[in-house]
């Protein structure tokens, strides 16, 4: 924040800032100032109080459950930040900042830190749990770990969700995103020719499903190479089912990893195959919760 973000307002360096970066500080850095402020003023002090009494650490996480959501906001902005960095990361402005700081790594390595940090918390809590079998505070540690895992899950989910393309409506109006993941899907439509039915039995479609409280979205995952960088996935929207009109059959003959979601009194049937029985059961229980 001092070596790069503040330098964007330094009158001596203004002429070095590439035009693509003008007025885009918020996109590049996201809510990093908010994360820094939270740690510097609040969280660090609370954690330091636990040095003598480590069993109190879990309470810090439970107390700050809401505040830790700031990481979700940061991660949601990350794809925009990365795209901007690819565009102007090799500019003289950044080289100059890096030289002054005498850093071996460039800014993008530091912009990745918050994403890595949120996953390090779970490792910390897991290690502490190993050392505290059945002692005081174990239950709180377990609850704290569940809280952090929940935050990581919603960060992951939202990262996938912002990559949905081609959906006409507003994704934010579909209620909470409960689950998302990839499946083999076969369809069977009552209407139309029997031929469709026969074809449907053989070759599954690969679909990425997003389960919201109001809607189930079927998307097709596309991996796109971004000029030699890591692949970014996007999900092109294929169809949706309103949760208020669907039914579910938990078991499909001959395969315990399959279940059915049907629409409009079995007018359309979607046979969905999970990668494991556990995953199937998790999805079924989430869908059941929505339906009841």
Protein backbone atom coordinates (compact mmCIF):
# COMPACT_ATOMS: atom_id res chain seq x y z
CA UNK A 1 0.00 0.00 0.00
CA UNK A 2 2.85 2.40 0.77
CA UNK A 3 5.25 1.32 -1.95
CA UNK A 4 2.76 1.06 -4.80
CA UNK A 5 -0.76 2.36 -4.11
CA UNK A 6 0.43 5.61 -2.47
CA UNK A 7 3.01 6.12 -5.21
CA UNK A 8 0.18 6.36 -7.76
CA UNK A 9 -0.52 9.77 -6.20
CA UNK A 10 3.13 10.82 -6.19
CA UNK A 11 3.44 13.89 -8.49
CA UNK A 12 7.00 12.89 -9.46
CA UNK A 13 5.81 9.54 -10.84
CA UNK A 14 2.48 10.53 -12.39
CA UNK A 15 3.98 10.76 -15.87
CA UNK A 16 5.09 7.08 -15.65
CA UNK A 17 1.61 5.69 -14.93
CA UNK A 18 0.24 3.95 -18.06
CA UNK A 19 -3.04 5.32 -19.39
CA UNK A 20 -4.79 1.95 -18.89
CA UNK A 21 -4.21 2.40 -15.16
CA UNK A 22 -5.54 5.95 -14.82
CA UNK A 23 -8.23 6.13 -12.07
CA UNK A 24 -8.17 2.34 -11.69
CA UNK A 25 -6.43 2.09 -8.32
CA UNK A 26 -9.55 0.49 -6.75
CA UNK A 27 -9.60 -2.21 -9.43
CA UNK A 28 -5.94 -3.10 -9.02
CA UNK A 29 -5.86 -3.12 -5.22
CA UNK A 30 -9.48 -4.04 -4.48
CA UNK A 31 -10.36 -3.51 -0.83
CA UNK A 32 -6.79 -4.14 0.34
CA UNK A 33 -6.84 -0.94 2.47
CA UNK A 34 -9.90 -2.31 4.29
CA UNK A 35 -8.14 -5.64 4.96
CA UNK A 36 -5.02 -3.85 6.18
CA UNK A 37 -7.04 -1.55 8.43
CA UNK A 38 -8.94 -4.48 9.97
CA UNK A 39 -5.74 -6.41 10.78
CA UNK A 40 -3.73 -3.43 11.93
CA UNK A 41 -6.35 -1.85 14.18
CA UNK A 42 -8.37 -4.84 15.32
CA UNK A 43 -7.45 -8.43 14.58
CA UNK A 44 -3.70 -8.34 15.26
CA UNK A 45 -4.23 -6.82 18.73
CA UNK A 46 -6.85 -9.43 19.58
CA UNK A 47 -4.61 -12.29 18.46
CA UNK A 48 -1.66 -10.89 20.42
CA UNK A 49 -3.79 -11.18 23.56
CA UNK A 50 -3.90 -14.94 22.96
CA UNK A 51 -0.14 -15.49 23.09
CA UNK A 52 -0.29 -16.39 26.78
CA UNK A 53 -3.68 -18.15 26.46
CA UNK A 54 -3.84 -19.84 23.05
CA UNK A 55 -7.18 -21.48 23.91
CA UNK A 56 -8.76 -18.03 23.49
CA UNK A 57 -7.76 -17.83 19.81
CA UNK A 58 -10.90 -19.56 18.57
CA UNK A 59 -13.01 -16.82 20.14
CA UNK A 60 -11.21 -14.18 18.05
CA UNK A 61 -12.32 -15.93 14.86
CA UNK A 62 -15.88 -16.43 16.10
CA UNK A 63 -16.17 -12.82 17.23
CA UNK A 64 -14.86 -11.54 13.88
CA UNK A 65 -16.84 -13.87 11.64
CA UNK A 66 -18.61 -10.96 9.89
CA UNK A 67 -15.44 -8.87 9.51
CA UNK A 68 -13.60 -11.73 7.80
CA UNK A 69 -16.11 -11.50 4.92
CA UNK A 70 -13.90 -8.68 3.59
CA UNK A 71 -11.82 -11.45 2.00
CA UNK A 72 -14.74 -12.49 -0.16
CA UNK A 73 -14.95 -8.99 -1.60
CA UNK A 74 -11.19 -9.02 -2.27
CA UNK A 75 -11.30 -12.39 -4.05
CA UNK A 76 -14.30 -11.38 -6.17
CA UNK A 77 -12.33 -8.44 -7.50
CA UNK A 78 -9.19 -10.54 -8.12
CA UNK A 79 -9.96 -11.51 -11.78
CA UNK A 80 -10.43 -7.81 -12.68
CA UNK A 81 -7.25 -6.93 -10.83
CA UNK A 82 -5.29 -9.67 -12.62
CA UNK A 83 -6.59 -8.62 -16.03
CA UNK A 84 -5.46 -5.04 -15.34
CA UNK A 85 -2.07 -6.24 -14.11
CA UNK A 86 -1.54 -8.30 -17.29
CA UNK A 87 -2.25 -5.15 -19.27
CA UNK A 88 0.18 -2.82 -17.50
CA UNK A 89 2.28 -4.84 -15.03
CA UNK A 90 5.45 -4.42 -17.09
CA UNK A 91 5.23 -0.61 -17.14
CA UNK A 92 8.10 1.61 -16.04
CA UNK A 93 6.01 2.89 -13.14
CA UNK A 94 5.87 -0.54 -11.46
CA UNK A 95 9.52 -1.24 -12.25
CA UNK A 96 10.45 2.04 -10.58
CA UNK A 97 8.37 1.26 -7.46
CA UNK A 98 9.88 -2.21 -7.21
CA UNK A 99 13.41 -0.84 -7.58
CA UNK A 100 12.86 1.68 -4.78
CA UNK A 101 11.53 -1.04 -2.47
CA UNK A 102 14.34 -3.40 -3.46
CA UNK A 103 11.82 -6.25 -3.74
CA UNK A 104 12.75 -9.42 -5.59
CA UNK A 105 9.08 -10.13 -6.33
CA UNK A 106 6.79 -7.88 -8.31
CA UNK A 107 3.51 -6.45 -7.03
CA UNK A 108 1.30 -9.30 -8.27
CA UNK A 109 3.00 -11.69 -5.82
CA UNK A 110 1.89 -9.43 -2.97
CA UNK A 111 -1.62 -8.98 -4.34
CA UNK A 112 -1.99 -12.75 -4.06
CA UNK A 113 -1.21 -12.70 -0.31
CA UNK A 114 -4.76 -12.07 0.99
CA UNK A 115 -6.07 -15.00 -1.06
CA UNK A 116 -3.37 -17.22 0.44
CA UNK A 117 -3.89 -15.80 3.94
CA UNK A 118 -7.53 -16.80 4.25
CA UNK A 119 -6.58 -20.41 3.47
CA UNK A 120 -3.72 -20.31 6.00
CA UNK A 121 -6.14 -19.63 8.86
CA UNK A 122 -7.75 -23.03 8.40
CA UNK A 123 -4.31 -24.69 8.59
CA UNK A 124 -3.54 -22.83 11.81
CA UNK A 125 -6.82 -23.90 13.40
CA UNK A 126 -6.40 -27.51 12.22
CA UNK A 127 -2.91 -27.66 13.77
CA UNK A 128 -4.23 -26.24 17.02
CA UNK A 129 -7.01 -28.81 17.07
CA UNK A 130 -4.46 -31.60 16.76
CA UNK A 131 -2.75 -30.30 19.90
CA UNK A 132 -5.87 -29.80 21.96
CA UNK A 133 -7.71 -33.12 22.00
CA UNK A 134 -10.57 -32.99 24.53
CA UNK A 135 -9.12 -30.04 26.39
CA UNK A 136 -10.85 -26.80 27.24
CA UNK A 137 -11.72 -24.77 24.16
CA UNK A 138 -11.72 -27.71 21.72
CA UNK A 139 -15.38 -27.19 20.85
CA UNK A 140 -14.74 -23.51 20.17
CA UNK A 141 -11.78 -24.36 17.96
CA UNK A 142 -13.95 -26.72 15.95
CA UNK A 143 -16.56 -24.01 15.55
CA UNK A 144 -13.88 -21.49 14.52
CA UNK A 145 -12.53 -23.90 11.92
CA UNK A 146 -16.04 -24.44 10.55
CA UNK A 147 -16.45 -20.65 10.34
CA UNK A 148 -13.23 -20.22 8.36
CA UNK A 149 -14.06 -23.15 6.06
CA UNK A 150 -17.43 -21.54 5.45
CA UNK A 151 -15.77 -18.27 4.44
CA UNK A 152 -13.38 -20.14 2.12
CA UNK A 153 -16.33 -21.97 0.56
CA UNK A 154 -18.26 -18.76 -0.08
CA UNK A 155 -15.10 -17.15 -1.52
CA UNK A 156 -14.70 -20.15 -3.86
CA UNK A 157 -18.37 -20.15 -4.81
CA UNK A 158 -18.41 -16.45 -5.54
CA UNK A 159 -15.27 -16.74 -7.67
CA UNK A 160 -17.06 -19.29 -9.86
CA UNK A 161 -20.28 -17.33 -9.82
CA UNK A 162 -18.74 -14.14 -11.26
CA UNK A 163 -17.54 -16.21 -14.23
CA UNK A 164 -21.10 -17.11 -15.40
CA UNK A 165 -21.76 -15.68 -18.86
CA UNK A 166 -24.91 -15.49 -20.96
CA UNK A 167 -27.46 -15.56 -18.14
CA UNK A 168 -30.10 -12.96 -18.98
CA UNK A 169 -31.26 -12.18 -15.45
CA UNK A 170 -29.36 -10.89 -12.44
CA UNK A 171 -27.58 -13.68 -10.57
CA UNK A 172 -27.79 -11.69 -7.33
CA UNK A 173 -31.58 -12.06 -7.38
CA UNK A 174 -31.48 -15.87 -7.25
CA UNK A 175 -30.94 -16.01 -3.49
CA UNK A 176 -27.92 -17.47 -1.74
CA UNK A 177 -25.54 -19.66 -3.72
CA UNK A 178 -25.63 -22.94 -1.79
CA UNK A 179 -23.53 -25.31 -3.92
CA UNK A 180 -21.70 -25.41 -7.23
CA UNK A 181 -19.85 -28.19 -9.03
CA UNK A 182 -19.37 -30.26 -12.19
CA UNK A 183 -21.47 -33.29 -13.15
CA UNK A 184 -22.36 -35.66 -15.95
CA UNK A 185 -25.91 -34.88 -17.03
CA UNK A 186 -28.34 -36.81 -19.23
CA UNK A 187 -31.66 -35.30 -20.27
CA UNK A 188 -34.91 -36.92 -21.17
CA UNK A 189 -37.72 -34.81 -22.60
CA UNK A 190 -41.27 -36.14 -22.91
CA UNK A 191 -42.00 -33.73 -25.73
CA UNK A 192 -40.43 -34.14 -29.15
CA UNK A 193 -39.11 -37.26 -30.84
CA UNK A 194 -38.20 -40.54 -29.24
CA UNK A 195 -34.88 -40.25 -30.99
CA UNK A 196 -33.81 -37.62 -28.45
CA UNK A 197 -34.64 -40.14 -25.76
CA UNK A 198 -32.46 -42.84 -27.28
CA UNK A 199 -29.54 -40.49 -27.80
CA UNK A 200 -29.87 -39.21 -24.26
CA UNK A 201 -29.19 -42.62 -22.79
CA UNK A 202 -25.65 -42.82 -24.05
CA UNK A 203 -23.56 -39.70 -24.01
CA UNK A 204 -23.72 -37.42 -20.98
CA UNK A 205 -23.17 -33.69 -21.15
CA UNK A 206 -20.59 -32.10 -18.88
CA UNK A 207 -22.41 -29.44 -16.92
CA UNK A 208 -21.44 -27.14 -14.08
CA UNK A 209 -24.39 -26.71 -11.73
CA UNK A 210 -25.07 -23.70 -9.53
CA UNK A 211 -27.71 -24.29 -6.85
CA UNK A 212 -29.36 -21.15 -5.53
CA UNK A 213 -32.31 -20.97 -3.16
CA UNK A 214 -34.57 -19.91 -6.05
CA UNK A 215 -33.00 -21.48 -9.10
CA UNK A 216 -30.76 -24.26 -10.40
CA UNK A 217 -28.50 -23.14 -13.25
CA UNK A 218 -26.91 -25.51 -15.77
CA UNK A 219 -23.77 -24.10 -17.39
CA UNK A 220 -21.04 -25.36 -19.67
CA UNK A 221 -17.52 -24.83 -18.37
CA UNK A 222 -15.03 -23.30 -20.76
CA UNK A 223 -11.31 -23.06 -20.00
CA UNK A 224 -9.71 -20.08 -21.64
CA UNK A 225 -6.00 -19.52 -21.94
CA UNK A 226 -5.12 -15.93 -21.22
CA UNK A 227 -1.96 -15.10 -23.15
CA UNK A 228 0.30 -17.73 -21.63
CA UNK A 229 -1.08 -17.29 -18.13
CA UNK A 230 -3.03 -19.73 -16.04
CA UNK A 231 -6.33 -20.96 -17.46
CA UNK A 232 -9.38 -19.04 -16.37
CA UNK A 233 -12.67 -20.85 -16.37
CA UNK A 234 -15.90 -19.29 -17.49
CA UNK A 235 -19.34 -20.86 -17.40
CA UNK A 236 -21.71 -20.26 -20.28
CA UNK A 237 -25.32 -20.45 -19.22
CA UNK A 238 -27.38 -23.26 -20.82
CA UNK A 239 -30.65 -23.53 -18.91
CA UNK A 240 -32.27 -23.02 -15.54
CA UNK A 241 -34.94 -24.65 -13.39
CA UNK A 242 -37.01 -22.77 -10.86
CA UNK A 243 -36.63 -24.50 -7.51
CA UNK A 244 -40.32 -23.95 -6.79
CA UNK A 245 -41.27 -26.28 -9.65
CA UNK A 246 -38.77 -29.14 -9.42
CA UNK A 247 -38.94 -32.60 -7.91
CA UNK A 248 -36.14 -34.98 -7.02
CA UNK A 249 -35.62 -38.74 -7.18
CA UNK A 250 -32.79 -39.74 -4.90
CA UNK A 251 -31.88 -43.09 -6.44
CA UNK A 252 -31.46 -44.17 -10.03
CA UNK A 253 -31.34 -47.87 -10.85
CA UNK A 254 -27.88 -49.24 -11.53
CA UNK A 255 -25.79 -46.33 -10.25
CA UNK A 256 -25.65 -45.09 -6.68
CA UNK A 257 -23.90 -41.86 -7.77
CA UNK A 258 -26.88 -40.76 -9.88
CA UNK A 259 -29.98 -38.84 -8.90
CA UNK A 260 -32.78 -37.20 -10.88
CA UNK A 261 -34.12 -33.70 -10.94
CA UNK A 262 -37.35 -33.36 -12.83
CA UNK A 263 -39.42 -30.47 -13.92
CA UNK A 264 -43.09 -29.90 -14.38
CA UNK A 265 -44.37 -33.39 -13.46
CA UNK A 266 -41.50 -35.24 -15.20
CA UNK A 267 -41.99 -33.40 -18.49
CA UNK A 268 -38.25 -32.82 -18.42
CA UNK A 269 -35.97 -35.18 -16.48
CA UNK A 270 -32.32 -34.49 -15.73
CA UNK A 271 -30.24 -37.46 -14.64
CA UNK A 272 -27.25 -36.16 -12.72
CA UNK A 273 -24.18 -38.22 -11.90
CA UNK A 274 -21.86 -37.03 -9.14
CA UNK A 275 -18.21 -38.00 -8.85
CA UNK A 276 -18.87 -39.76 -5.53
CA UNK A 277 -21.74 -41.01 -3.39
CA UNK A 278 -20.78 -38.52 -0.63
CA UNK A 279 -21.03 -35.62 -3.06
CA UNK A 280 -24.37 -36.85 -4.34
CA UNK A 281 -25.73 -37.06 -0.78
CA UNK A 282 -24.51 -33.55 0.07
CA UNK A 283 -26.30 -32.15 -2.97
CA UNK A 284 -29.48 -34.08 -2.28
CA UNK A 285 -29.64 -32.84 1.28
CA UNK A 286 -29.12 -29.22 0.15
CA UNK A 287 -31.80 -29.57 -2.55
CA UNK A 288 -34.17 -31.16 -0.01
CA UNK A 289 -33.64 -28.21 2.35
CA UNK A 290 -34.62 -25.82 -0.43
CA UNK A 291 -37.66 -27.85 -1.42
CA UNK A 292 -38.98 -28.13 2.12
